[in-house]
């Protein structure tokens, strides 16, 4: 599938998730699972440590320094559960 078609499908799925209110439900589940796993606290502590070690405090530098590692450290169980919820929505919408 060409990248343009894939991007159009992504935009459509995201739009439908938002319009149906399911995006907020999925986000609530994801936040709860990340909190239960301790992931949110870990990221918060790392950001505080990084901020303390910065010579000149910069929100942009702090955000860019933790963005990729933060996303890579999301627990696999949470990724799978959220992917499953999104997949269920897509299957419902595109039957």
PDB file of N, CA and C in Angstrom:
ATOM      1  N   UNK A   1       0.852  -1.181   0.000  1.00  0.00           N
ATOM      2  CA  UNK A   1       0.000   0.000   0.000  1.00  0.00           C
ATOM      3  C   UNK A   1       0.892   1.236   0.000  1.00  0.00           C
ATOM      4  N   UNK A   2       0.661   2.171  -0.919  1.00  0.00           N
ATOM      5  CA  UNK A   2       1.460   3.397  -0.961  1.00  0.00           C
ATOM      6  C   UNK A   2       1.331   4.177   0.344  1.00  0.00           C
ATOM      7  N   UNK A   3       2.385   4.906   0.664  1.00  0.00           N
ATOM      8  CA  UNK A   3       2.416   5.683   1.909  1.00  0.00           C
ATOM      9  C   UNK A   3       1.277   6.698   1.969  1.00  0.00           C
ATOM     10  N   UNK A   4       0.923   7.269   0.830  1.00  0.00           N
ATOM     11  CA  UNK A   4      -0.149   8.266   0.813  1.00  0.00           C
ATOM     12  C   UNK A   4      -1.490   7.637   1.213  1.00  0.00           C
ATOM     13  N   UNK A   5      -1.768   6.418   0.689  1.00  0.00           N
ATOM     14  CA  UNK A   5      -3.002   5.717   1.050  1.00  0.00           C
ATOM     15  C   UNK A   5      -3.010   5.357   2.528  1.00  0.00           C
ATOM     16  N   UNK A   6      -1.869   4.895   3.010  1.00  0.00           N
ATOM     17  CA  UNK A   6      -1.750   4.525   4.410  1.00  0.00           C
ATOM     18  C   UNK A   6      -1.991   5.736   5.302  1.00  0.00           C
ATOM     19  N   UNK A   7      -1.421   6.867   4.929  1.00  0.00           N
ATOM     20  CA  UNK A   7      -1.602   8.090   5.698  1.00  0.00           C
ATOM     21  C   UNK A   7      -3.067   8.524   5.690  1.00  0.00           C
ATOM     22  N   UNK A   8      -3.734   8.387   4.552  1.00  0.00           N
ATOM     23  CA  UNK A   8      -5.153   8.754   4.460  1.00  0.00           C
ATOM     24  C   UNK A   8      -5.997   7.857   5.361  1.00  0.00           C
ATOM     25  N   UNK A   9      -5.664   6.558   5.409  1.00  0.00           N
ATOM     26  CA  UNK A   9      -6.392   5.633   6.290  1.00  0.00           C
ATOM     27  C   UNK A   9      -6.160   5.999   7.753  1.00  0.00           C
ATOM     28  N   UNK A  10      -4.934   6.335   8.091  1.00  0.00           N
ATOM     29  CA  UNK A  10      -4.607   6.726   9.459  1.00  0.00           C
ATOM     30  C   UNK A  10      -5.431   7.950   9.868  1.00  0.00           C
ATOM     31  N   UNK A  11      -5.469   8.939   8.998  1.00  0.00           N
ATOM     32  CA  UNK A  11      -6.221  10.170   9.288  1.00  0.00           C
ATOM     33  C   UNK A  11      -7.706   9.847   9.481  1.00  0.00           C
ATOM     34  N   UNK A  12      -8.256   8.984   8.630  1.00  0.00           N
ATOM     35  CA  UNK A  12      -9.678   8.621   8.727  1.00  0.00           C
ATOM     36  C   UNK A  12      -9.972   7.864  10.025  1.00  0.00           C
ATOM     37  N   UNK A  13      -9.125   6.903  10.368  1.00  0.00           N
ATOM     38  CA  UNK A  13      -9.323   6.137  11.607  1.00  0.00           C
ATOM     39  C   UNK A  13      -9.248   7.067  12.806  1.00  0.00           C
ATOM     40  N   UNK A  14      -8.258   7.942  12.823  1.00  0.00           N
ATOM     41  CA  UNK A  14      -8.097   8.871  13.939  1.00  0.00           C
ATOM     42  C   UNK A  14      -9.314   9.791  14.048  1.00  0.00           C
ATOM     43  N   UNK A  15      -9.793  10.301  12.918  1.00  0.00           N
ATOM     44  CA  UNK A  15     -10.966  11.179  12.923  1.00  0.00           C
ATOM     45  C   UNK A  15     -12.171  10.459  13.508  1.00  0.00           C
ATOM     46  N   UNK A  16     -12.377   9.214  13.083  1.00  0.00           N
ATOM     47  CA  UNK A  16     -13.532   8.458  13.584  1.00  0.00           C
ATOM     48  C   UNK A  16     -13.391   8.138  15.072  1.00  0.00           C
ATOM     49  N   UNK A  17     -12.180   7.844  15.513  1.00  0.00           N
ATOM     50  CA  UNK A  17     -11.959   7.594  16.938  1.00  0.00           C
ATOM     51  C   UNK A  17     -12.314   8.831  17.760  1.00  0.00           C
ATOM     52  N   UNK A  18     -11.897   9.980  17.295  1.00  0.00           N
ATOM     53  CA  UNK A  18     -12.150  11.227  18.023  1.00  0.00           C
ATOM     54  C   UNK A  18     -13.633  11.562  18.007  1.00  0.00           C
ATOM     55  N   UNK A  19     -14.251  11.478  16.831  1.00  0.00           N
ATOM     56  CA  UNK A  19     -15.669  11.831  16.715  1.00  0.00           C
ATOM     57  C   UNK A  19     -16.572  10.912  17.522  1.00  0.00           C
ATOM     58  N   UNK A  20     -16.218   9.635  17.604  1.00  0.00           N
ATOM     59  CA  UNK A  20     -17.055   8.687  18.330  1.00  0.00           C
ATOM     60  C   UNK A  20     -16.846   8.753  19.850  1.00  0.00           C
ATOM     61  N   UNK A  21     -15.785   9.441  20.278  1.00  0.00           N
ATOM     62  CA  UNK A  21     -15.481   9.504  21.707  1.00  0.00           C
ATOM     63  C   UNK A  21     -14.637   8.345  22.182  1.00  0.00           C
ATOM     64  N   UNK A  22     -14.361   7.395  21.289  1.00  0.00           N
ATOM     65  CA  UNK A  22     -13.553   6.235  21.683  1.00  0.00           C
ATOM     66  C   UNK A  22     -12.105   6.610  21.944  1.00  0.00           C
ATOM     67  N   UNK A  23     -11.620   7.674  21.297  1.00  0.00           N
ATOM     68  CA  UNK A  23     -10.244   8.103  21.532  1.00  0.00           C
ATOM     69  C   UNK A  23     -10.053   8.460  23.004  1.00  0.00           C
ATOM     70  N   UNK A  24     -11.011   9.187  23.589  1.00  0.00           N
ATOM     71  CA  UNK A  24     -10.918   9.557  25.001  1.00  0.00           C
ATOM     72  C   UNK A  24     -10.957   8.320  25.897  1.00  0.00           C
ATOM     73  N   UNK A  25     -11.792   7.347  25.538  1.00  0.00           N
ATOM     74  CA  UNK A  25     -11.867   6.105  26.315  1.00  0.00           C
ATOM     75  C   UNK A  25     -10.550   5.339  26.250  1.00  0.00           C
ATOM     76  N   UNK A  26      -9.982   5.234  25.051  1.00  0.00           N
ATOM     77  CA  UNK A  26      -8.709   4.531  24.879  1.00  0.00           C
ATOM     78  C   UNK A  26      -7.607   5.259  25.642  1.00  0.00           C
ATOM     79  N   UNK A  27      -7.609   6.572  25.553  1.00  0.00           N
ATOM     80  CA  UNK A  27      -6.599   7.365  26.268  1.00  0.00           C
ATOM     81  C   UNK A  27      -6.718   7.192  27.780  1.00  0.00           C
ATOM     82  N   UNK A  28      -7.935   7.104  28.280  1.00  0.00           N
ATOM     83  CA  UNK A  28      -8.155   6.894  29.711  1.00  0.00           C
ATOM     84  C   UNK A  28      -7.605   5.538  30.140  1.00  0.00           C
ATOM     85  N   UNK A  29      -7.885   4.503  29.351  1.00  0.00           N
ATOM     86  CA  UNK A  29      -7.375   3.161  29.653  1.00  0.00           C
ATOM     87  C   UNK A  29      -5.853   3.164  29.612  1.00  0.00           C
ATOM     88  N   UNK A  30      -5.278   3.791  28.580  1.00  0.00           N
ATOM     89  CA  UNK A  30      -3.830   3.820  28.441  1.00  0.00           C
ATOM     90  C   UNK A  30      -3.175   4.538  29.626  1.00  0.00           C
ATOM     91  N   UNK A  31      -3.726   5.668  30.020  1.00  0.00           N
ATOM     92  CA  UNK A  31      -3.174   6.416  31.148  1.00  0.00           C
ATOM     93  C   UNK A  31      -3.235   5.591  32.431  1.00  0.00           C
ATOM     94  N   UNK A  32      -4.349   4.921  32.654  1.00  0.00           N
ATOM     95  CA  UNK A  32      -4.490   4.092  33.857  1.00  0.00           C
ATOM     96  C   UNK A  32      -3.470   2.951  33.858  1.00  0.00           C
ATOM     97  N   UNK A  33      -3.306   2.291  32.716  1.00  0.00           N
ATOM     98  CA  UNK A  33      -2.364   1.169  32.626  1.00  0.00           C
ATOM     99  C   UNK A  33      -0.922   1.647  32.801  1.00  0.00           C
ATOM    100  N   UNK A  34      -0.584   2.789  32.208  1.00  0.00           N
ATOM    101  CA  UNK A  34       0.768   3.323  32.354  1.00  0.00           C
ATOM    102  C   UNK A  34       1.030   3.744  33.795  1.00  0.00           C
ATOM    103  N   UNK A  35       0.010   4.269  34.453  1.00  0.00           N
ATOM    104  CA  UNK A  35       0.144   4.649  35.859  1.00  0.00           C
ATOM    105  C   UNK A  35       0.317   3.416  36.743  1.00  0.00           C
ATOM    106  N   UNK A  36      -0.504   2.387  36.492  1.00  0.00           N
ATOM    107  CA  UNK A  36      -0.411   1.139  37.261  1.00  0.00           C
ATOM    108  C   UNK A  36       0.964   0.492  37.130  1.00  0.00           C
ATOM    109  N   UNK A  37       1.546   0.582  35.948  1.00  0.00           N
ATOM    110  CA  UNK A  37       2.839  -0.054  35.701  1.00  0.00           C
ATOM    111  C   UNK A  37       4.004   0.744  36.280  1.00  0.00           C
ATOM    112  N   UNK A  38       3.744   1.973  36.720  1.00  0.00           N
ATOM    113  CA  UNK A  38       4.806   2.814  37.263  1.00  0.00           C
ATOM    114  C   UNK A  38       5.537   3.613  36.192  1.00  0.00           C
ATOM    115  N   UNK A  39       5.118   3.468  34.948  1.00  0.00           N
ATOM    116  CA  UNK A  39       5.786   4.117  33.833  1.00  0.00           C
ATOM    117  C   UNK A  39       5.734   5.641  33.955  1.00  0.00           C
ATOM    118  N   UNK A  40       4.590   6.179  34.335  1.00  0.00           N
ATOM    119  CA  UNK A  40       4.441   7.634  34.448  1.00  0.00           C
ATOM    120  C   UNK A  40       5.383   8.188  35.514  1.00  0.00           C
ATOM    121  N   UNK A  41       5.455   7.528  36.652  1.00  0.00           N
ATOM    122  CA  UNK A  41       6.369   7.974  37.707  1.00  0.00           C
ATOM    123  C   UNK A  41       7.823   7.895  37.252  1.00  0.00           C
ATOM    124  N   UNK A  42       8.175   6.825  36.548  1.00  0.00           N
ATOM    125  CA  UNK A  42       9.546   6.680  36.048  1.00  0.00           C
ATOM    126  C   UNK A  42       9.915   7.828  35.115  1.00  0.00           C
ATOM    127  N   UNK A  43       9.018   8.163  34.198  1.00  0.00           N
ATOM    128  CA  UNK A  43       9.275   9.249  33.249  1.00  0.00           C
ATOM    129  C   UNK A  43       9.375  10.579  33.983  1.00  0.00           C
ATOM    130  N   UNK A  44       8.498  10.776  34.941  1.00  0.00           N
ATOM    131  CA  UNK A  44       8.513  12.023  35.717  1.00  0.00           C
ATOM    132  C   UNK A  44       9.832  12.167  36.475  1.00  0.00           C
ATOM    133  N   UNK A  45      10.290  11.089  37.105  1.00  0.00           N
ATOM    134  CA  UNK A  45      11.548  11.130  37.863  1.00  0.00           C
ATOM    135  C   UNK A  45      12.742  11.369  36.937  1.00  0.00           C
ATOM    136  N   UNK A  46      12.732  10.736  35.772  1.00  0.00           N
ATOM    137  CA  UNK A  46      13.820  10.934  34.821  1.00  0.00           C
ATOM    138  C   UNK A  46      13.860  12.383  34.344  1.00  0.00           C
ATOM    139  N   UNK A  47      12.702  12.946  34.061  1.00  0.00           N
ATOM    140  CA  UNK A  47      12.645  14.333  33.607  1.00  0.00           C
ATOM    141  C   UNK A  47      13.138  15.287  34.699  1.00  0.00           C
ATOM    142  N   UNK A  48      12.769  15.019  35.947  1.00  0.00           N
ATOM    143  CA  UNK A  48      13.241  15.863  37.049  1.00  0.00           C
ATOM    144  C   UNK A  48      14.757  15.780  37.175  1.00  0.00           C
ATOM    145  N   UNK A  49      15.292  14.574  37.063  1.00  0.00           N
ATOM    146  CA  UNK A  49      16.740  14.376  37.147  1.00  0.00           C
ATOM    147  C   UNK A  49      17.448  15.096  35.998  1.00  0.00           C
ATOM    148  N   UNK A  50      16.916  14.942  34.804  1.00  0.00           N
ATOM    149  CA  UNK A  50      17.498  15.618  33.640  1.00  0.00           C
ATOM    150  C   UNK A  50      17.453  17.135  33.817  1.00  0.00           C
ATOM    151  N   UNK A  51      16.341  17.656  34.346  1.00  0.00           N
ATOM    152  CA  UNK A  51      16.202  19.099  34.552  1.00  0.00           C
ATOM    153  C   UNK A  51      17.224  19.603  35.566  1.00  0.00           C
ATOM    154  N   UNK A  52      17.445  18.842  36.614  1.00  0.00           N
ATOM    155  CA  UNK A  52      18.429  19.236  37.632  1.00  0.00           C
ATOM    156  C   UNK A  52      19.837  19.287  37.047  1.00  0.00           C
ATOM    157  N   UNK A  53      20.110  18.408  36.080  1.00  0.00           N
ATOM    158  CA  UNK A  53      21.452  18.322  35.506  1.00  0.00           C
ATOM    159  C   UNK A  53      21.675  19.280  34.330  1.00  0.00           C
ATOM    160  N   UNK A  54      20.643  20.001  33.910  1.00  0.00           N
ATOM    161  CA  UNK A  54      20.795  20.952  32.804  1.00  0.00           C
ATOM    162  C   UNK A  54      21.468  22.222  33.300  1.00  0.00           C
ATOM    163  N   UNK A  55      22.392  22.696  32.494  1.00  0.00           N
ATOM    164  CA  UNK A  55      23.059  23.942  32.837  1.00  0.00           C
ATOM    165  C   UNK A  55      22.083  25.109  32.723  1.00  0.00           C
ATOM    166  N   UNK A  56      21.369  25.138  31.604  1.00  0.00           N
ATOM    167  CA  UNK A  56      20.356  26.154  31.383  1.00  0.00           C
ATOM    168  C   UNK A  56      19.049  25.410  31.108  1.00  0.00           C
ATOM    169  N   UNK A  57      18.094  25.536  31.997  1.00  0.00           N
ATOM    170  CA  UNK A  57      16.849  24.781  31.899  1.00  0.00           C
ATOM    171  C   UNK A  57      16.077  25.162  30.639  1.00  0.00           C
ATOM    172  N   UNK A  58      15.740  24.149  29.852  1.00  0.00           N
ATOM    173  CA  UNK A  58      15.004  24.370  28.612  1.00  0.00           C
ATOM    174  C   UNK A  58      13.963  23.275  28.469  1.00  0.00           C
ATOM    175  N   UNK A  59      12.695  23.684  28.415  1.00  0.00           N
ATOM    176  CA  UNK A  59      11.623  22.708  28.274  1.00  0.00           C
ATOM    177  C   UNK A  59      11.772  21.925  26.986  1.00  0.00           C
ATOM    178  N   UNK A  60      12.089  22.605  25.887  1.00  0.00           N
ATOM    179  CA  UNK A  60      12.228  21.943  24.587  1.00  0.00           C
ATOM    180  C   UNK A  60      13.339  20.896  24.624  1.00  0.00           C
ATOM    181  N   UNK A  61      14.472  21.231  25.211  1.00  0.00           N
ATOM    182  CA  UNK A  61      15.580  20.272  25.317  1.00  0.00           C
ATOM    183  C   UNK A  61      15.190  19.105  26.213  1.00  0.00           C
ATOM    184  N   UNK A  62      14.489  19.388  27.278  1.00  0.00           N
ATOM    185  CA  UNK A  62      14.038  18.341  28.189  1.00  0.00           C
ATOM    186  C   UNK A  62      13.068  17.402  27.484  1.00  0.00           C
ATOM    187  N   UNK A  63      12.126  17.946  26.749  1.00  0.00           N
ATOM    188  CA  UNK A  63      11.152  17.145  26.027  1.00  0.00           C
ATOM    189  C   UNK A  63      11.816  16.311  24.937  1.00  0.00           C
ATOM    190  N   UNK A  64      12.670  16.918  24.142  1.00  0.00           N
ATOM    191  CA  UNK A  64      13.303  16.177  23.049  1.00  0.00           C
ATOM    192  C   UNK A  64      14.256  15.108  23.570  1.00  0.00           C
ATOM    193  N   UNK A  65      14.836  15.323  24.738  1.00  0.00           N
ATOM    194  CA  UNK A  65      15.755  14.343  25.315  1.00  0.00           C
ATOM    195  C   UNK A  65      15.063  13.114  25.871  1.00  0.00           C
ATOM    196  N   UNK A  66      13.789  13.237  26.199  1.00  0.00           N
ATOM    197  CA  UNK A  66      13.080  12.095  26.775  1.00  0.00           C
ATOM    198  C   UNK A  66      12.032  11.511  25.846  1.00  0.00           C
ATOM    199  N   UNK A  67      11.762  12.149  24.723  1.00  0.00           N
ATOM    200  CA  UNK A  67      10.673  11.727  23.854  1.00  0.00           C
ATOM    201  C   UNK A  67      10.853  10.314  23.306  1.00  0.00           C
ATOM    202  N   UNK A  68      11.937  10.041  22.595  1.00  0.00           N
ATOM    203  CA  UNK A  68      12.129   8.730  21.989  1.00  0.00           C
ATOM    204  C   UNK A  68      12.310   7.633  23.048  1.00  0.00           C
ATOM    205  N   UNK A  69      13.206   7.813  24.027  1.00  0.00           N
ATOM    206  CA  UNK A  69      13.343   6.763  25.048  1.00  0.00           C
ATOM    207  C   UNK A  69      12.040   6.509  25.809  1.00  0.00           C
ATOM    208  N   UNK A  70      11.269   7.567  25.990  1.00  0.00           N
ATOM    209  CA  UNK A  70       9.998   7.448  26.707  1.00  0.00           C
ATOM    210  C   UNK A  70       9.048   6.539  25.926  1.00  0.00           C
ATOM    211  N   UNK A  71       8.921   6.760  24.638  1.00  0.00           N
ATOM    212  CA  UNK A  71       8.025   5.949  23.821  1.00  0.00           C
ATOM    213  C   UNK A  71       8.504   4.504  23.723  1.00  0.00           C
ATOM    214  N   UNK A  72       9.802   4.313  23.666  1.00  0.00           N
ATOM    215  CA  UNK A  72      10.361   2.960  23.565  1.00  0.00           C
ATOM    216  C   UNK A  72      10.215   2.181  24.873  1.00  0.00           C
ATOM    217  N   UNK A  73      10.038   2.882  25.970  1.00  0.00           N
ATOM    218  CA  UNK A  73       9.973   2.202  27.269  1.00  0.00           C
ATOM    219  C   UNK A  73       8.553   1.850  27.706  1.00  0.00           C
ATOM    220  N   UNK A  74       7.558   2.131  26.875  1.00  0.00           N
ATOM    221  CA  UNK A  74       6.178   1.773  27.228  1.00  0.00           C
ATOM    222  C   UNK A  74       6.097   0.254  27.347  1.00  0.00           C
ATOM    223  N   UNK A  75       5.550  -0.254  28.435  1.00  0.00           N
ATOM    224  CA  UNK A  75       5.472  -1.710  28.635  1.00  0.00           C
ATOM    225  C   UNK A  75       4.725  -2.403  27.484  1.00  0.00           C
ATOM    226  N   UNK A  76       5.250  -3.549  27.073  1.00  0.00           N
ATOM    227  CA  UNK A  76       4.684  -4.298  25.960  1.00  0.00           C
ATOM    228  C   UNK A  76       3.214  -4.652  26.201  1.00  0.00           C
ATOM    229  N   UNK A  77       2.864  -5.006  27.426  1.00  0.00           N
ATOM    230  CA  UNK A  77       1.471  -5.362  27.735  1.00  0.00           C
ATOM    231  C   UNK A  77       0.532  -4.185  27.474  1.00  0.00           C
ATOM    232  N   UNK A  78       0.978  -2.973  27.792  1.00  0.00           N
ATOM    233  CA  UNK A  78       0.153  -1.787  27.559  1.00  0.00           C
ATOM    234  C   UNK A  78       0.030  -1.543  26.058  1.00  0.00           C
ATOM    235  N   UNK A  79       1.137  -1.662  25.334  1.00  0.00           N
ATOM    236  CA  UNK A  79       1.090  -1.483  23.877  1.00  0.00           C
ATOM    237  C   UNK A  79       0.111  -2.463  23.247  1.00  0.00           C
ATOM    238  N   UNK A  80       0.175  -3.709  23.675  1.00  0.00           N
ATOM    239  CA  UNK A  80      -0.708  -4.731  23.110  1.00  0.00           C
ATOM    240  C   UNK A  80      -2.170  -4.445  23.412  1.00  0.00           C
ATOM    241  N   UNK A  81      -2.462  -4.043  24.642  1.00  0.00           N
ATOM    242  CA  UNK A  81      -3.852  -3.781  25.017  1.00  0.00           C
ATOM    243  C   UNK A  81      -4.420  -2.591  24.241  1.00  0.00           C
ATOM    244  N   UNK A  82      -3.649  -1.533  24.107  1.00  0.00           N
ATOM    245  CA  UNK A  82      -4.118  -0.352  23.385  1.00  0.00           C
ATOM    246  C   UNK A  82      -4.253  -0.672  21.896  1.00  0.00           C
ATOM    247  N   UNK A  83      -3.299  -1.414  21.354  1.00  0.00           N
ATOM    248  CA  UNK A  83      -3.393  -1.830  19.946  1.00  0.00           C
ATOM    249  C   UNK A  83      -4.643  -2.658  19.709  1.00  0.00           C
ATOM    250  N   UNK A  84      -4.965  -3.510  20.657  1.00  0.00           N
ATOM    251  CA  UNK A  84      -6.157  -4.344  20.549  1.00  0.00           C
ATOM    252  C   UNK A  84      -7.430  -3.489  20.549  1.00  0.00           C
ATOM    253  N   UNK A  85      -7.478  -2.503  21.420  1.00  0.00           N
ATOM    254  CA  UNK A  85      -8.645  -1.614  21.468  1.00  0.00           C
ATOM    255  C   UNK A  85      -8.808  -0.845  20.153  1.00  0.00           C
ATOM    256  N   UNK A  86      -7.702  -0.364  19.615  1.00  0.00           N
ATOM    257  CA  UNK A  86      -7.762   0.360  18.337  1.00  0.00           C
ATOM    258  C   UNK A  86      -8.170  -0.584  17.218  1.00  0.00           C
ATOM    259  N   UNK A  87      -7.613  -1.787  17.209  1.00  0.00           N
ATOM    260  CA  UNK A  87      -7.958  -2.777  16.184  1.00  0.00           C
ATOM    261  C   UNK A  87      -9.450  -3.101  16.225  1.00  0.00           C
ATOM    262  N   UNK A  88     -10.005  -3.257  17.431  1.00  0.00           N
ATOM    263  CA  UNK A  88     -11.434  -3.543  17.557  1.00  0.00           C
ATOM    264  C   UNK A  88     -12.264  -2.416  16.956  1.00  0.00           C
ATOM    265  N   UNK A  89     -11.859  -1.188  17.217  1.00  0.00           N
ATOM    266  CA  UNK A  89     -12.577  -0.039  16.653  1.00  0.00           C
ATOM    267  C   UNK A  89     -12.500  -0.046  15.139  1.00  0.00           C
ATOM    268  N   UNK A  90     -11.319  -0.275  14.604  1.00  0.00           N
ATOM    269  CA  UNK A  90     -11.138  -0.292  13.147  1.00  0.00           C
ATOM    270  C   UNK A  90     -11.988  -1.378  12.521  1.00  0.00           C
ATOM    271  N   UNK A  91     -11.998  -2.553  13.118  1.00  0.00           N
ATOM    272  CA  UNK A  91     -12.800  -3.651  12.571  1.00  0.00           C
ATOM    273  C   UNK A  91     -14.292  -3.301  12.590  1.00  0.00           C
ATOM    274  N   UNK A  92     -14.753  -2.645  13.649  1.00  0.00           N
ATOM    275  CA  UNK A  92     -16.144  -2.218  13.741  1.00  0.00           C
ATOM    276  C   UNK A  92     -16.487  -1.197  12.666  1.00  0.00           C
ATOM    277  N   UNK A  93     -15.590  -0.269  12.450  1.00  0.00           N
ATOM    278  CA  UNK A  93     -15.849   0.836  11.530  1.00  0.00           C
ATOM    279  C   UNK A  93     -15.766   0.435  10.062  1.00  0.00           C
ATOM    280  N   UNK A  94     -14.939  -0.546   9.756  1.00  0.00           N
ATOM    281  CA  UNK A  94     -14.678  -0.866   8.368  1.00  0.00           C
ATOM    282  C   UNK A  94     -15.162  -2.255   7.972  1.00  0.00           C
ATOM    283  N   UNK A  95     -16.216  -2.739   8.604  1.00  0.00           N
ATOM    284  CA  UNK A  95     -16.763  -4.061   8.268  1.00  0.00           C
ATOM    285  C   UNK A  95     -17.443  -4.042   6.941  1.00  0.00           C
TER     286      UNK A  95
END
